[in-house]
Amino acid sequence: MFNPSNLPVPQLESLKFKANQIIESIQALQRTIDVGGQNVMPAWPDILSKYNIILSQTHSFSTSLIASQTVSQAAHQSSIAPRPTGSMFERIALHPSVALPDATLDNEIIPLLRNQQTTDVLSMENETARRLAECMHTGGAVRMAGVQSNQVAGGGAARTRHEDVLAECAQIRGEHDRRVDRAV
């Protein structure tokens, strides 16, 4: 029989609040980097400060999980009956109190449970790869996959080699790092 009084509600509410803070901070960093869709790089100190906030919040979240484990172990050691050690959250199984529509379950819950990327993330990743490939002389991995063809002046197709794409990526990374060094 389910007994809600056994749930560590204050600790769960605290973790929920901290998780929401992390999500909001990640979204703020994303908005900073996106700069309204403009093709510019935001100021490095702005990006770094938002990243440091996320780092601090995730550290706090992790510390809360570890602290709950320490409190849980101390409580178990003081009790007479032997209980399994570990975090108090490890033995909690939560489920929704109302049935979810299949679309919500398929698009939001199952990818989280399977640790798979959502369709939004996959679409953004594909769009980013396509835009990068358009800027590359070799056409990147998109051209290697055969999505686009590289026509040479003689009318024949030039084959893009994996090594060429890697070399161009290394060149782009080097140019980017030099720009960052100059900016900093």
Protein backbone atom coordinates (compact mmCIF):
# COMPACT_ATOMS: atom_id res chain seq x y z
CA MET A 1 0.00 0.00 0.00
CA PHE A 2 1.32 3.42 -0.93
CA ASN A 3 2.03 5.67 2.03
CA PRO A 4 2.81 9.26 0.94
CA SER A 5 4.10 10.12 4.40
CA ASN A 6 7.22 8.04 3.63
CA LEU A 7 8.19 10.32 0.75
CA PRO A 8 10.90 12.93 1.41
CA VAL A 9 8.66 15.70 0.01
CA PRO A 10 10.79 18.68 1.15
CA GLN A 11 13.93 17.18 -0.43
CA LEU A 12 12.03 16.34 -3.63
CA GLU A 13 10.60 19.86 -3.85
CA SER A 14 14.08 21.30 -3.33
CA LEU A 15 15.49 19.10 -6.11
CA LYS A 16 12.60 20.05 -8.40
CA PHE A 17 13.28 23.74 -7.78
CA LYS A 18 17.00 23.30 -8.45
CA ALA A 19 16.32 21.29 -11.62
CA ASN A 20 14.00 24.03 -12.89
CA GLN A 21 16.71 26.62 -12.16
CA ILE A 22 19.21 24.61 -14.21
CA ILE A 23 16.75 24.31 -17.11
CA GLU A 24 16.07 28.06 -17.06
CA SER A 25 19.79 28.83 -16.95
CA ILE A 26 20.48 26.53 -19.90
CA GLN A 27 17.72 28.26 -21.84
CA ALA A 28 19.20 31.67 -20.94
CA LEU A 29 22.61 30.51 -22.21
CA GLN A 30 20.98 29.22 -25.38
CA ARG A 31 19.27 32.60 -25.95
CA THR A 32 22.59 34.38 -25.34
CA ILE A 33 24.41 32.21 -27.87
CA ASP A 34 21.56 32.41 -30.39
CA VAL A 35 21.52 36.26 -30.30
CA GLY A 36 18.12 36.35 -31.97
CA GLY A 37 19.27 34.31 -34.96
CA GLN A 38 21.88 36.87 -35.96
CA ASN A 39 25.16 35.65 -37.39
CA VAL A 40 27.35 37.16 -34.63
CA MET A 41 29.20 35.84 -31.62
CA PRO A 42 28.06 37.24 -28.26
CA ALA A 43 30.61 38.64 -25.83
CA TRP A 44 32.70 35.90 -24.23
CA PRO A 45 32.22 37.22 -20.64
CA ASP A 46 28.43 36.91 -21.08
CA ILE A 47 28.73 33.30 -22.20
CA LEU A 48 31.23 32.47 -19.47
CA SER A 49 29.11 34.01 -16.69
CA LYS A 50 26.02 32.05 -17.77
CA TYR A 51 28.08 28.86 -18.03
CA ASN A 52 29.47 29.44 -14.53
CA ILE A 53 25.93 29.87 -13.20
CA ILE A 54 24.95 26.52 -14.73
CA LEU A 55 28.07 24.91 -13.28
CA SER A 56 27.28 26.29 -9.82
CA GLN A 57 23.67 25.15 -10.02
CA THR A 58 24.57 21.62 -11.13
CA HIS A 59 27.14 21.43 -8.33
CA SER A 60 24.46 22.49 -5.84
CA PHE A 61 22.09 19.88 -7.28
CA SER A 62 24.75 17.18 -7.00
CA THR A 63 25.60 18.25 -3.45
CA SER A 64 21.92 17.98 -2.52
CA LEU A 65 21.84 14.42 -3.81
CA ILE A 66 25.00 13.51 -1.88
CA ALA A 67 23.74 15.24 1.28
CA SER A 68 20.51 13.23 1.11
CA GLN A 69 22.61 10.07 0.88
CA THR A 70 24.64 11.09 3.96
CA VAL A 71 21.50 11.91 5.96
CA SER A 72 19.91 8.67 4.80
CA GLN A 73 22.95 6.63 5.85
CA ALA A 74 23.10 8.34 9.25
CA ALA A 75 19.42 7.61 9.84
CA HIS A 76 19.87 3.96 8.87
CA GLN A 77 22.91 3.53 11.12
CA SER A 78 20.99 4.85 14.13
CA SER A 79 18.01 2.55 13.55
CA ILE A 80 17.84 -0.96 14.93
CA ALA A 81 16.57 -2.74 11.81
CA PRO A 82 19.18 -3.10 9.04
CA ARG A 83 18.22 -1.21 5.89
CA PRO A 84 20.01 -0.83 2.57
CA THR A 85 22.41 2.07 2.43
CA GLY A 86 22.46 4.66 -0.31
CA SER A 87 20.43 7.63 -1.37
CA MET A 88 16.86 7.91 -0.16
CA PHE A 89 15.90 8.68 -3.76
CA GLU A 90 17.09 5.30 -5.08
CA ARG A 91 14.08 3.49 -3.64
CA ILE A 92 11.43 5.92 -4.91
CA ALA A 93 9.49 5.00 -8.02
CA LEU A 94 7.24 7.78 -9.26
CA HIS A 95 4.53 7.56 -11.85
CA PRO A 96 1.94 10.04 -13.12
CA SER A 97 -1.35 10.11 -11.23
CA VAL A 98 -3.31 10.48 -14.49
CA ALA A 99 -2.85 8.64 -17.76
CA LEU A 100 -0.77 10.46 -20.35
CA PRO A 101 -1.85 10.73 -23.99
CA ASP A 102 0.17 8.52 -26.32
CA ALA A 103 1.63 11.54 -28.13
CA THR A 104 2.99 12.99 -24.88
CA LEU A 105 4.35 9.64 -23.81
CA ASP A 106 6.02 9.01 -27.19
CA ASN A 107 7.47 12.49 -27.68
CA GLU A 108 8.43 13.57 -24.17
CA ILE A 109 8.62 10.75 -21.64
CA ILE A 110 9.99 7.75 -23.53
CA PRO A 111 13.03 9.63 -24.96
CA LEU A 112 13.93 10.66 -21.42
CA LEU A 113 13.61 7.11 -20.16
CA ARG A 114 15.63 5.71 -23.05
CA ASN A 115 18.11 8.57 -22.93
CA GLN A 116 17.54 9.24 -26.63
CA GLN A 117 17.48 12.57 -28.39
CA THR A 118 14.11 14.11 -29.09
CA THR A 119 13.07 14.92 -32.62
CA ASP A 120 13.61 18.64 -31.91
CA VAL A 121 17.22 18.02 -30.92
CA LEU A 122 17.80 15.79 -33.94
CA SER A 123 16.28 18.41 -36.27
CA MET A 124 18.45 21.17 -34.79
CA GLU A 125 21.54 18.96 -35.04
CA ASN A 126 20.83 18.13 -38.69
CA GLU A 127 20.17 21.79 -39.52
CA THR A 128 23.43 22.83 -37.84
CA ALA A 129 25.38 20.16 -39.75
CA ARG A 130 23.77 21.25 -43.02
CA ARG A 131 24.55 24.95 -42.43
CA LEU A 132 28.15 24.11 -41.51
CA ALA A 133 28.50 21.90 -44.59
CA GLU A 134 27.29 24.76 -46.80
CA CYS A 135 30.17 26.91 -45.53
CA MET A 136 32.83 24.22 -45.95
CA HIS A 137 34.81 23.75 -49.16
CA THR A 138 34.65 19.97 -48.79
CA GLY A 139 30.92 19.99 -48.02
CA GLY A 140 31.51 18.24 -44.72
CA ALA A 141 29.88 15.01 -43.66
CA VAL A 142 26.69 15.98 -45.50
CA ARG A 143 28.42 15.66 -48.88
CA MET A 144 30.21 12.49 -47.78
CA ALA A 145 26.82 10.95 -46.98
CA GLY A 146 25.72 11.68 -50.53
CA VAL A 147 23.08 14.29 -49.67
CA GLN A 148 24.79 16.82 -51.94
CA SER A 149 27.10 16.20 -54.86
CA ASN A 150 30.32 18.07 -55.49
CA GLN A 151 30.57 18.85 -59.21
CA VAL A 152 33.96 19.78 -60.65
CA ALA A 153 34.52 21.87 -63.78
CA GLY A 154 34.92 18.82 -66.01
CA GLY A 155 31.42 17.60 -65.17
CA GLY A 156 32.56 14.60 -63.11
CA ALA A 157 31.90 14.29 -59.41
CA ALA A 158 34.87 14.82 -57.09
CA ARG A 159 34.87 12.40 -54.18
CA THR A 160 35.09 14.02 -50.75
CA ARG A 161 37.43 12.07 -48.51
CA HIS A 162 37.03 11.72 -44.76
CA GLU A 163 40.58 13.03 -44.25
CA ASP A 164 39.77 16.20 -46.22
CA VAL A 165 36.74 16.92 -44.04
CA LEU A 166 38.77 16.34 -40.86
CA ALA A 167 41.56 18.61 -42.12
CA GLU A 168 39.07 21.38 -42.91
CA CYS A 169 37.44 20.99 -39.48
CA ALA A 170 40.88 21.26 -37.85
CA GLN A 171 41.55 24.41 -39.89
CA ILE A 172 38.21 25.93 -38.80
CA ARG A 173 38.92 25.05 -35.17
CA GLY A 174 42.40 26.60 -35.40
CA GLU A 175 41.05 29.81 -36.94
CA HIS A 176 38.35 29.98 -34.27
CA ASP A 177 40.88 29.47 -31.46
CA ARG A 178 43.10 32.23 -32.87
CA ARG A 179 40.12 34.62 -32.95
CA VAL A 180 39.25 33.74 -29.36
CA ASP A 181 42.86 34.30 -28.28
CA ARG A 182 42.84 37.73 -29.92
CA ALA A 183 39.49 38.60 -28.31
CA VAL A 184 40.59 37.52 -24.86
